[in-house]
Amino acid sequence: MANIQPMEPENEKQGEFEEYDRPSKSSVKRDMLALQDLGKTLCEMPYDKVKRAPIGERLLIEIAEFHKCKSFGAKKRQMQFIGKLMRDEEHEEVQAWVNGETVEQKLKVLHLHAAEQWRDRLIEEPGLLATFIESYPAAARENLNPIIRQAVQERAAKKAPRNFRQLFQIIYRLIEEKAEQDADGGES
């Protein structure tokens, strides 16, 4: 029987495994599919809302083209292209915008809730109008007393809430105006 001896490594590194520093194909594919899903979410949103998204002009144009596509195959190809274009975007920022995590969106929601609360409080206790005017001085130029009175009457008579809605819109506008004034005054 022949005497077989193990081969000696030619150098020290030959026996060691080299580090693989690139991402795996699976992780690259997962990332690309996630970007396609983000692009799909943008395509499913109303175009007027997508215009306000923090995305580039080219991507915005391609999303508009997606809406023009009629066939399933064309939409699928366009979606893949949008996914490819998403690689060049700040996808974390776009994802945050889609999730509603931007400061502007959160402030808008807070203003809506504040307007609802003020409307309900003013209808329950019309005497709080003076407090509201203290908080929002621009309300003094609005003639809110008759609107509040009519909203109370609508609620009691179970009529359509026309003045109820009008009161909300006025309050919301006043809250937005004050927030803009405060923001402008804080930056100066």
N, C-alpha and C. Protein backbone atom coordinates (compact mmCIF):
# COMPACT_ATOMS: atom_id res chain seq x y z
N MET A 1 0.82 -1.15 0.00
CA MET A 1 0.00 0.00 0.00
C MET A 1 0.87 1.23 0.00
N ALA A 2 0.44 2.24 -0.78
CA ALA A 2 1.24 3.44 -0.91
C ALA A 2 1.02 4.32 0.31
N ASN A 3 2.05 4.96 0.68
CA ASN A 3 1.99 5.85 1.83
C ASN A 3 1.53 7.22 1.35
N ILE A 4 0.27 7.59 1.69
CA ILE A 4 -0.29 8.86 1.26
C ILE A 4 -0.15 9.84 2.42
N GLN A 5 0.45 10.96 2.09
CA GLN A 5 0.63 11.98 3.11
C GLN A 5 -0.25 13.19 2.76
N PRO A 6 -0.80 13.87 3.78
CA PRO A 6 -1.64 15.04 3.50
C PRO A 6 -0.80 16.15 2.85
N MET A 7 -1.45 16.88 1.99
CA MET A 7 -0.76 17.98 1.31
C MET A 7 -0.55 19.13 2.28
N GLU A 8 0.59 19.70 2.20
CA GLU A 8 0.90 20.86 3.01
C GLU A 8 0.41 22.12 2.29
N PRO A 9 -0.22 23.06 3.02
CA PRO A 9 -0.64 24.29 2.37
C PRO A 9 0.57 25.06 1.84
N GLU A 10 0.42 25.66 0.67
CA GLU A 10 1.54 26.38 0.06
C GLU A 10 1.84 27.65 0.83
N ASN A 11 0.82 28.28 1.34
CA ASN A 11 1.06 29.44 2.20
C ASN A 11 0.07 29.38 3.36
N GLU A 12 0.20 30.29 4.26
CA GLU A 12 -0.62 30.25 5.47
C GLU A 12 -2.10 30.54 5.18
N LYS A 13 -2.39 31.37 4.20
CA LYS A 13 -3.77 31.77 3.93
C LYS A 13 -4.56 30.68 3.23
N GLN A 14 -3.91 29.76 2.61
CA GLN A 14 -4.62 28.75 1.85
C GLN A 14 -5.50 27.90 2.75
N GLY A 15 -5.11 27.68 3.95
CA GLY A 15 -5.88 26.87 4.87
C GLY A 15 -7.04 27.63 5.50
N GLU A 16 -7.04 28.95 5.44
CA GLU A 16 -8.08 29.76 6.07
C GLU A 16 -9.15 30.14 5.05
N PHE A 17 -10.35 30.39 5.56
CA PHE A 17 -11.42 30.87 4.70
C PHE A 17 -11.31 32.39 4.58
N GLU A 18 -11.53 32.86 3.38
CA GLU A 18 -11.48 34.30 3.17
C GLU A 18 -12.84 34.91 3.54
N GLU A 19 -12.79 36.13 4.07
CA GLU A 19 -14.02 36.84 4.42
C GLU A 19 -14.78 37.21 3.16
N TYR A 20 -16.09 37.03 3.21
CA TYR A 20 -16.96 37.40 2.09
C TYR A 20 -17.62 38.70 2.49
N ASP A 21 -17.15 39.81 1.91
CA ASP A 21 -17.60 41.12 2.37
C ASP A 21 -18.77 41.70 1.58
N ARG A 22 -19.24 41.03 0.55
CA ARG A 22 -20.38 41.52 -0.21
C ARG A 22 -21.66 40.92 0.36
N PRO A 23 -22.80 41.64 0.18
CA PRO A 23 -24.07 41.07 0.65
C PRO A 23 -24.46 39.87 -0.21
N SER A 24 -25.21 38.98 0.37
CA SER A 24 -25.63 37.79 -0.36
C SER A 24 -26.65 38.15 -1.42
N LYS A 25 -26.81 37.28 -2.39
CA LYS A 25 -27.80 37.51 -3.45
C LYS A 25 -29.20 37.60 -2.85
N SER A 26 -29.46 36.80 -1.85
CA SER A 26 -30.78 36.81 -1.22
C SER A 26 -31.08 38.15 -0.56
N SER A 27 -30.10 38.72 0.14
CA SER A 27 -30.34 40.00 0.80
C SER A 27 -30.48 41.12 -0.22
N VAL A 28 -29.73 41.06 -1.31
CA VAL A 28 -29.87 42.06 -2.38
C VAL A 28 -31.27 41.97 -2.98
N LYS A 29 -31.74 40.75 -3.22
CA LYS A 29 -33.07 40.56 -3.80
C LYS A 29 -34.15 41.05 -2.83
N ARG A 30 -34.00 40.77 -1.53
CA ARG A 30 -34.96 41.26 -0.54
C ARG A 30 -35.02 42.78 -0.54
N ASP A 31 -33.84 43.41 -0.61
CA ASP A 31 -33.79 44.87 -0.64
C ASP A 31 -34.49 45.43 -1.88
N MET A 32 -34.26 44.79 -3.03
CA MET A 32 -34.88 45.25 -4.27
C MET A 32 -36.39 45.07 -4.23
N LEU A 33 -36.85 43.97 -3.67
CA LEU A 33 -38.29 43.73 -3.55
C LEU A 33 -38.92 44.73 -2.58
N ALA A 34 -38.19 45.09 -1.52
CA ALA A 34 -38.70 46.08 -0.58
C ALA A 34 -38.82 47.44 -1.26
N LEU A 35 -37.85 47.78 -2.10
CA LEU A 35 -37.92 49.05 -2.83
C LEU A 35 -39.08 49.03 -3.83
N GLN A 36 -39.31 47.87 -4.47
CA GLN A 36 -40.45 47.75 -5.38
C GLN A 36 -41.76 47.91 -4.62
N ASP A 37 -41.84 47.32 -3.42
CA ASP A 37 -43.06 47.46 -2.61
C ASP A 37 -43.29 48.92 -2.22
N LEU A 38 -42.21 49.62 -1.89
CA LEU A 38 -42.32 51.04 -1.55
C LEU A 38 -42.80 51.82 -2.77
N GLY A 39 -42.25 51.50 -3.94
CA GLY A 39 -42.70 52.13 -5.17
C GLY A 39 -44.16 51.83 -5.46
N LYS A 40 -44.56 50.58 -5.18
CA LYS A 40 -45.97 50.19 -5.39
C LYS A 40 -46.88 50.99 -4.47
N THR A 41 -46.46 51.17 -3.25
CA THR A 41 -47.24 51.97 -2.30
C THR A 41 -47.40 53.39 -2.81
N LEU A 42 -46.32 53.96 -3.35
CA LEU A 42 -46.41 55.31 -3.91
C LEU A 42 -47.36 55.35 -5.09
N CYS A 43 -47.34 54.30 -5.92
CA CYS A 43 -48.22 54.25 -7.09
C CYS A 43 -49.69 54.11 -6.70
N GLU A 44 -49.95 53.49 -5.58
CA GLU A 44 -51.33 53.28 -5.14
C GLU A 44 -51.92 54.52 -4.48
N MET A 45 -51.06 55.47 -4.09
CA MET A 45 -51.53 56.70 -3.48
C MET A 45 -52.07 57.64 -4.55
N PRO A 46 -52.95 58.57 -4.16
CA PRO A 46 -53.39 59.58 -5.12
C PRO A 46 -52.20 60.40 -5.62
N TYR A 47 -52.20 60.69 -6.91
CA TYR A 47 -51.05 61.37 -7.52
C TYR A 47 -50.81 62.74 -6.89
N ASP A 48 -51.86 63.45 -6.51
CA ASP A 48 -51.69 64.76 -5.89
C ASP A 48 -50.93 64.66 -4.58
N LYS A 49 -51.14 63.58 -3.86
CA LYS A 49 -50.41 63.39 -2.60
C LYS A 49 -48.96 63.00 -2.87
N VAL A 50 -48.74 62.18 -3.90
CA VAL A 50 -47.39 61.72 -4.22
C VAL A 50 -46.51 62.89 -4.67
N LYS A 51 -47.13 63.91 -5.26
CA LYS A 51 -46.37 65.09 -5.69
C LYS A 51 -45.65 65.74 -4.52
N ARG A 52 -46.20 65.60 -3.32
CA ARG A 52 -45.60 66.22 -2.13
C ARG A 52 -44.55 65.32 -1.48
N ALA A 53 -44.37 64.13 -2.02
CA ALA A 53 -43.42 63.18 -1.44
C ALA A 53 -41.99 63.65 -1.71
N PRO A 54 -41.06 63.28 -0.83
CA PRO A 54 -39.66 63.66 -1.02
C PRO A 54 -38.96 62.75 -2.04
N ILE A 55 -39.42 62.82 -3.30
CA ILE A 55 -38.85 61.99 -4.36
C ILE A 55 -38.42 62.89 -5.50
N GLY A 56 -37.57 62.33 -6.36
CA GLY A 56 -37.05 63.07 -7.50
C GLY A 56 -38.07 63.22 -8.61
N GLU A 57 -37.76 64.15 -9.50
CA GLU A 57 -38.67 64.46 -10.61
C GLU A 57 -38.83 63.25 -11.54
N ARG A 58 -37.74 62.54 -11.79
CA ARG A 58 -37.80 61.38 -12.70
C ARG A 58 -38.75 60.31 -12.16
N LEU A 59 -38.64 60.03 -10.88
CA LEU A 59 -39.52 59.02 -10.27
C LEU A 59 -40.97 59.48 -10.32
N LEU A 60 -41.20 60.75 -10.10
CA LEU A 60 -42.56 61.29 -10.15
C LEU A 60 -43.16 61.13 -11.55
N ILE A 61 -42.34 61.37 -12.57
CA ILE A 61 -42.79 61.19 -13.95
C ILE A 61 -43.15 59.73 -14.22
N GLU A 62 -42.32 58.82 -13.73
CA GLU A 62 -42.55 57.39 -13.98
C GLU A 62 -43.79 56.89 -13.22
N ILE A 63 -44.06 57.47 -12.06
CA ILE A 63 -45.28 57.10 -11.32
C ILE A 63 -46.50 57.57 -12.12
N ALA A 64 -46.40 58.76 -12.71
CA ALA A 64 -47.50 59.24 -13.56
C ALA A 64 -47.67 58.31 -14.76
N GLU A 65 -46.57 57.82 -15.33
CA GLU A 65 -46.65 56.87 -16.45
C GLU A 65 -47.30 55.56 -16.01
N PHE A 66 -47.03 55.13 -14.79
CA PHE A 66 -47.65 53.91 -14.27
C PHE A 66 -49.17 54.03 -14.30
N HIS A 67 -49.67 55.19 -13.93
CA HIS A 67 -51.12 55.40 -13.90
C HIS A 67 -51.73 55.36 -15.30
N LYS A 68 -50.91 55.63 -16.32
CA LYS A 68 -51.40 55.59 -17.70
C LYS A 68 -51.42 54.18 -18.28
N CYS A 69 -50.64 53.27 -17.68
CA CYS A 69 -50.56 51.90 -18.20
C CYS A 69 -51.90 51.20 -18.06
N LYS A 70 -52.27 50.44 -19.09
CA LYS A 70 -53.55 49.74 -19.09
C LYS A 70 -53.40 48.24 -18.80
N SER A 71 -52.42 47.60 -19.45
CA SER A 71 -52.31 46.15 -19.32
C SER A 71 -51.52 45.76 -18.07
N PHE A 72 -51.78 44.54 -17.62
CA PHE A 72 -51.10 44.02 -16.43
C PHE A 72 -49.59 43.95 -16.65
N GLY A 73 -49.19 43.46 -17.83
CA GLY A 73 -47.76 43.33 -18.12
C GLY A 73 -47.05 44.68 -18.12
N ALA A 74 -47.70 45.67 -18.72
CA ALA A 74 -47.09 47.01 -18.77
C ALA A 74 -46.95 47.58 -17.36
N LYS A 75 -47.97 47.38 -16.54
CA LYS A 75 -47.91 47.87 -15.16
C LYS A 75 -46.80 47.16 -14.38
N LYS A 76 -46.66 45.86 -14.62
CA LYS A 76 -45.63 45.09 -13.92
C LYS A 76 -44.23 45.58 -14.32
N ARG A 77 -44.01 45.79 -15.62
CA ARG A 77 -42.71 46.29 -16.07
C ARG A 77 -42.44 47.69 -15.52
N GLN A 78 -43.45 48.53 -15.54
CA GLN A 78 -43.29 49.89 -15.02
C GLN A 78 -42.99 49.85 -13.53
N MET A 79 -43.63 48.94 -12.81
CA MET A 79 -43.38 48.81 -11.37
C MET A 79 -41.94 48.38 -11.11
N GLN A 80 -41.42 47.47 -11.92
CA GLN A 80 -40.03 47.05 -11.77
C GLN A 80 -39.08 48.22 -12.04
N PHE A 81 -39.41 49.02 -13.05
CA PHE A 81 -38.58 50.18 -13.37
C PHE A 81 -38.63 51.19 -12.23
N ILE A 82 -39.81 51.39 -11.65
CA ILE A 82 -39.93 52.30 -10.51
C ILE A 82 -39.10 51.78 -9.34
N GLY A 83 -39.12 50.45 -9.13
CA GLY A 83 -38.29 49.86 -8.09
C GLY A 83 -36.81 50.13 -8.33
N LYS A 84 -36.39 50.09 -9.60
CA LYS A 84 -35.00 50.38 -9.95
C LYS A 84 -34.68 51.84 -9.67
N LEU A 85 -35.60 52.73 -10.02
CA LEU A 85 -35.38 54.16 -9.76
C LEU A 85 -35.35 54.46 -8.26
N MET A 86 -36.04 53.65 -7.48
CA MET A 86 -36.07 53.86 -6.02
C MET A 86 -34.68 53.69 -5.41
N ARG A 87 -33.79 52.97 -6.09
CA ARG A 87 -32.43 52.78 -5.57
C ARG A 87 -31.70 54.11 -5.43
N ASP A 88 -32.03 55.06 -6.32
CA ASP A 88 -31.36 56.36 -6.30
C ASP A 88 -31.99 57.34 -5.32
N GLU A 89 -33.11 56.98 -4.73
CA GLU A 89 -33.81 57.86 -3.80
C GLU A 89 -33.35 57.59 -2.36
N GLU A 90 -33.62 58.53 -1.50
CA GLU A 90 -33.41 58.35 -0.07
C GLU A 90 -34.59 57.54 0.44
N HIS A 91 -34.51 56.21 0.31
CA HIS A 91 -35.69 55.39 0.58
C HIS A 91 -36.10 55.39 2.05
N GLU A 92 -35.18 55.66 2.97
CA GLU A 92 -35.59 55.75 4.38
C GLU A 92 -36.50 56.97 4.58
N GLU A 93 -36.13 58.09 3.92
CA GLU A 93 -36.93 59.30 4.03
C GLU A 93 -38.29 59.11 3.36
N VAL A 94 -38.31 58.44 2.21
CA VAL A 94 -39.57 58.19 1.51
C VAL A 94 -40.44 57.26 2.35
N GLN A 95 -39.83 56.23 2.94
CA GLN A 95 -40.59 55.31 3.78
C GLN A 95 -41.18 56.04 4.98
N ALA A 96 -40.41 56.93 5.58
CA ALA A 96 -40.91 57.71 6.71
C ALA A 96 -42.08 58.59 6.27
N TRP A 97 -41.97 59.16 5.07
CA TRP A 97 -43.06 60.00 4.56
C TRP A 97 -44.31 59.16 4.33
N VAL A 98 -44.13 57.99 3.75
CA VAL A 98 -45.27 57.10 3.49
C VAL A 98 -45.92 56.68 4.81
N ASN A 99 -45.12 56.41 5.80
CA ASN A 99 -45.65 55.98 7.09
C ASN A 99 -46.28 57.14 7.88
N GLY A 100 -46.17 58.33 7.34
CA GLY A 100 -46.76 59.48 8.01
C GLY A 100 -45.93 59.98 9.17
N GLU A 101 -44.63 59.74 9.10
CA GLU A 101 -43.76 60.10 10.21
C GLU A 101 -43.13 61.48 10.04
N THR A 102 -43.49 62.21 9.00
CA THR A 102 -42.89 63.52 8.83
C THR A 102 -43.52 64.49 9.81
N VAL A 103 -42.78 65.47 10.19
CA VAL A 103 -43.23 66.45 11.18
C VAL A 103 -44.47 67.19 10.67
N GLU A 104 -44.47 67.55 9.38
CA GLU A 104 -45.60 68.30 8.84
C GLU A 104 -46.89 67.49 8.95
N GLN A 105 -46.81 66.20 8.63
CA GLN A 105 -48.00 65.36 8.69
C GLN A 105 -48.49 65.19 10.12
N LYS A 106 -47.57 65.03 11.05
CA LYS A 106 -47.96 64.88 12.45
C LYS A 106 -48.59 66.17 12.97
N LEU A 107 -48.03 67.31 12.57
CA LEU A 107 -48.61 68.58 13.00
C LEU A 107 -50.01 68.77 12.43
N LYS A 108 -50.20 68.37 11.18
CA LYS A 108 -51.52 68.50 10.57
C LYS A 108 -52.55 67.68 11.33
N VAL A 109 -52.17 66.46 11.70
CA VAL A 109 -53.08 65.60 12.46
C VAL A 109 -53.38 66.22 13.82
N LEU A 110 -52.36 66.77 14.47
CA LEU A 110 -52.58 67.43 15.76
C LEU A 110 -53.52 68.63 15.61
N HIS A 111 -53.35 69.39 14.54
CA HIS A 111 -54.22 70.54 14.32
C HIS A 111 -55.66 70.10 14.05
N LEU A 112 -55.83 69.02 13.32
CA LEU A 112 -57.18 68.50 13.07
C LEU A 112 -57.86 68.09 14.38
N HIS A 113 -57.09 67.39 15.23
CA HIS A 113 -57.66 66.96 16.51
C HIS A 113 -57.99 68.16 17.40
N ALA A 114 -57.10 69.15 17.40
CA ALA A 114 -57.35 70.35 18.21
C ALA A 114 -58.61 71.07 17.72
N ALA A 115 -58.78 71.15 16.40
CA ALA A 115 -59.97 71.80 15.85
C ALA A 115 -61.24 71.04 16.22
N GLU A 116 -61.18 69.72 16.18
CA GLU A 116 -62.35 68.92 16.59
C GLU A 116 -62.69 69.15 18.05
N GLN A 117 -61.66 69.18 18.91
CA GLN A 117 -61.89 69.37 20.33
C GLN A 117 -62.47 70.75 20.61
N TRP A 118 -61.90 71.79 19.98
CA TRP A 118 -62.42 73.14 20.18
C TRP A 118 -63.86 73.25 19.69
N ARG A 119 -64.16 72.67 18.54
CA ARG A 119 -65.52 72.72 18.01
C ARG A 119 -66.50 72.09 18.99
N ASP A 120 -66.16 70.89 19.47
CA ASP A 120 -67.05 70.19 20.40
C ASP A 120 -67.21 70.97 21.70
N ARG A 121 -66.12 71.53 22.21
CA ARG A 121 -66.20 72.30 23.45
C ARG A 121 -67.04 73.56 23.28
N LEU A 122 -66.88 74.23 22.13
CA LEU A 122 -67.65 75.46 21.89
C LEU A 122 -69.13 75.17 21.72
N ILE A 123 -69.47 74.03 21.16
CA ILE A 123 -70.88 73.68 21.01
C ILE A 123 -71.48 73.29 22.36
N GLU A 124 -70.70 72.60 23.18
CA GLU A 124 -71.18 72.20 24.50
C GLU A 124 -71.30 73.42 25.42
N GLU A 125 -70.29 74.30 25.37
CA GLU A 125 -70.27 75.50 26.23
C GLU A 125 -69.94 76.72 25.38
N PRO A 126 -70.91 77.38 24.80
CA PRO A 126 -70.64 78.56 23.96
C PRO A 126 -69.91 79.68 24.70
N GLY A 127 -69.93 79.67 26.01
CA GLY A 127 -69.22 80.68 26.80
C GLY A 127 -67.71 80.56 26.70
N LEU A 128 -67.20 79.46 26.19
CA LEU A 128 -65.76 79.28 26.03
C LEU A 128 -65.19 80.05 24.84
N LEU A 129 -66.05 80.75 24.12
CA LEU A 129 -65.59 81.50 22.96
C LEU A 129 -64.53 82.53 23.35
N ALA A 130 -64.70 83.17 24.51
CA ALA A 130 -63.71 84.15 24.97
C ALA A 130 -62.35 83.48 25.19
N THR A 131 -62.35 82.28 25.74
CA THR A 131 -61.11 81.54 25.94
C THR A 131 -60.48 81.18 24.60
N PHE A 132 -61.31 80.79 23.65
CA PHE A 132 -60.81 80.46 22.32
C PHE A 132 -60.18 81.69 21.66
N ILE A 133 -60.82 82.84 21.81
CA ILE A 133 -60.29 84.08 21.22
C ILE A 133 -58.98 84.48 21.89
N GLU A 134 -58.84 84.19 23.19
CA GLU A 134 -57.56 84.46 23.87
C GLU A 134 -56.46 83.60 23.28
N SER A 135 -56.78 82.35 23.02
CA SER A 135 -55.78 81.43 22.47
C SER A 135 -55.48 81.72 21.00
N TYR A 136 -56.51 82.12 20.27
CA TYR A 136 -56.39 82.39 18.84
C TYR A 136 -56.97 83.77 18.55
N PRO A 137 -56.17 84.83 18.70
CA PRO A 137 -56.66 86.21 18.57
C PRO A 137 -57.30 86.50 17.21
N ALA A 138 -56.92 85.82 16.17
CA ALA A 138 -57.51 86.06 14.84
C ALA A 138 -58.99 85.68 14.82
N ALA A 139 -59.43 84.92 15.81
CA ALA A 139 -60.84 84.51 15.87
C ALA A 139 -61.75 85.70 16.16
N ALA A 140 -61.18 86.78 16.66
CA ALA A 140 -62.00 87.96 16.98
C ALA A 140 -62.61 88.56 15.71
N ARG A 141 -61.94 88.42 14.59
CA ARG A 141 -62.47 88.99 13.34
C ARG A 141 -63.55 88.10 12.72
N GLU A 142 -63.67 86.88 13.19
CA GLU A 142 -64.71 85.96 12.71
C GLU A 142 -65.97 86.16 13.55
N ASN A 143 -67.08 85.99 12.94
CA ASN A 143 -68.35 86.11 13.67
C ASN A 143 -68.80 84.69 14.03
N LEU A 144 -68.23 84.16 15.11
CA LEU A 144 -68.47 82.76 15.47
C LEU A 144 -69.75 82.53 16.27
N ASN A 145 -70.24 83.55 16.98
CA ASN A 145 -71.43 83.35 17.81
C ASN A 145 -72.62 82.79 17.05
N PRO A 146 -73.01 83.39 15.91
CA PRO A 146 -74.17 82.83 15.20
C PRO A 146 -73.92 81.42 14.66
N ILE A 147 -72.71 81.16 14.24
CA ILE A 147 -72.39 79.81 13.71
C ILE A 147 -72.50 78.78 14.83
N ILE A 148 -71.98 79.12 16.02
CA ILE A 148 -72.06 78.20 17.16
C ILE A 148 -73.53 77.98 17.53
N ARG A 149 -74.29 79.06 17.59
CA ARG A 149 -75.71 78.96 17.94
C ARG A 149 -76.46 78.06 16.94
N GLN A 150 -76.20 78.28 15.66
CA GLN A 150 -76.88 77.48 14.63
C GLN A 150 -76.43 76.02 14.67
N ALA A 151 -75.17 75.79 15.01
CA ALA A 151 -74.68 74.41 15.12
C ALA A 151 -75.37 73.70 16.28
N VAL A 152 -75.57 74.42 17.38
CA VAL A 152 -76.30 73.85 18.53
C VAL A 152 -77.73 73.52 18.13
N GLN A 153 -78.37 74.43 17.41
CA GLN A 153 -79.74 74.21 16.96
C GLN A 153 -79.83 73.03 15.99
N GLU A 154 -78.85 72.93 15.10
CA GLU A 154 -78.83 71.79 14.16
C GLU A 154 -78.75 70.47 14.91
N ARG A 155 -77.89 70.46 15.89
CA ARG A 155 -77.71 69.22 16.65
C ARG A 155 -79.00 68.86 17.40
N ALA A 156 -79.64 69.86 17.99
CA ALA A 156 -80.87 69.61 18.74
C ALA A 156 -82.01 69.15 17.82
N ALA A 157 -82.07 69.73 16.61
CA ALA A 157 -83.13 69.38 15.67
C ALA A 157 -82.75 68.17 14.80
N LYS A 158 -81.53 67.66 15.00
CA LYS A 158 -81.01 66.51 14.23
C LYS A 158 -81.08 66.79 12.72
N LYS A 159 -80.66 68.00 12.36
CA LYS A 159 -80.58 68.40 10.96
C LYS A 159 -79.18 68.09 10.43
N ALA A 160 -79.03 68.31 9.13
CA ALA A 160 -77.71 68.14 8.51
C ALA A 160 -76.72 69.12 9.16
N PRO A 161 -75.51 68.65 9.46
CA PRO A 161 -74.55 69.46 10.23
C PRO A 161 -73.78 70.48 9.39
N ARG A 162 -74.48 71.35 8.68
CA ARG A 162 -73.83 72.34 7.82
C ARG A 162 -73.00 73.32 8.64
N ASN A 163 -73.58 73.93 9.65
CA ASN A 163 -72.85 74.90 10.49
C ASN A 163 -71.80 74.21 11.36
N PHE A 164 -72.08 72.99 11.75
CA PHE A 164 -71.13 72.18 12.51
C PHE A 164 -69.82 72.05 11.72
N ARG A 165 -69.95 71.74 10.42
CA ARG A 165 -68.78 71.60 9.55
C ARG A 165 -68.12 72.95 9.30
N GLN A 166 -68.93 73.96 9.10
CA GLN A 166 -68.40 75.30 8.85
C GLN A 166 -67.60 75.78 10.06
N LEU A 167 -68.11 75.53 11.25
CA LEU A 167 -67.40 75.90 12.48
C LEU A 167 -66.05 75.19 12.55
N PHE A 168 -66.04 73.90 12.22
CA PHE A 168 -64.78 73.14 12.21
C PHE A 168 -63.79 73.75 11.23
N GLN A 169 -64.24 74.07 10.03
CA GLN A 169 -63.34 74.62 9.01
C GLN A 169 -62.74 75.95 9.45
N ILE A 170 -63.54 76.79 10.06
CA ILE A 170 -63.04 78.08 10.53
C ILE A 170 -62.02 77.87 11.64
N ILE A 171 -62.33 77.02 12.59
CA ILE A 171 -61.42 76.76 13.71
C ILE A 171 -60.11 76.16 13.20
N TYR A 172 -60.22 75.21 12.29
CA TYR A 172 -59.01 74.58 11.74
C TYR A 172 -58.14 75.62 11.02
N ARG A 173 -58.75 76.49 10.24
CA ARG A 173 -58.01 77.53 9.52
C ARG A 173 -57.31 78.45 10.52
N LEU A 174 -57.99 78.82 11.59
CA LEU A 174 -57.39 79.70 12.60
C LEU A 174 -56.21 79.03 13.29
N ILE A 175 -56.34 77.75 13.59
CA ILE A 175 -55.25 77.01 14.22
C ILE A 175 -54.05 76.93 13.28
N GLU A 176 -54.30 76.65 12.00
CA GLU A 176 -53.21 76.58 11.01
C GLU A 176 -52.52 77.94 10.87
N GLU A 177 -53.30 79.02 10.81
CA GLU A 177 -52.73 80.36 10.68
C GLU A 177 -51.84 80.69 11.86
N LYS A 178 -52.31 80.37 13.06
CA LYS A 178 -51.51 80.66 14.26
C LYS A 178 -50.23 79.84 14.27
N ALA A 179 -50.32 78.59 13.84
CA ALA A 179 -49.13 77.74 13.80
C ALA A 179 -48.11 78.29 12.80
N GLU A 180 -48.59 78.79 11.66
CA GLU A 180 -47.68 79.38 10.68
C GLU A 180 -47.05 80.65 11.22
N GLN A 181 -47.84 81.47 11.90
CA GLN A 181 -47.30 82.70 12.49
C GLN A 181 -46.26 82.37 13.55
N ASP A 182 -46.54 81.37 14.38
CA ASP A 182 -45.59 80.97 15.41
C ASP A 182 -44.30 80.43 14.79
N ALA A 183 -44.43 79.68 13.71
CA ALA A 183 -43.26 79.12 13.04
C ALA A 183 -42.43 80.24 12.41
N ASP A 184 -43.10 81.21 11.79
CA ASP A 184 -42.38 82.34 11.18
C ASP A 184 -41.72 83.20 12.25
N GLY A 185 -42.39 83.39 13.35
CA GLY A 185 -41.83 84.20 14.43
C GLY A 185 -40.69 83.50 15.14
N GLY A 186 -40.73 82.18 15.20
CA GLY A 186 -39.67 81.43 15.87
C GLY A 186 -38.39 81.35 15.06
N GLU A 187 -38.50 81.45 13.73
CA GLU A 187 -37.31 81.34 12.88
C GLU A 187 -36.59 82.66 12.75
N SER A 188 -37.27 83.78 12.93
CA SER A 188 -36.66 85.10 12.71
C SER A 188 -35.65 85.40 13.76
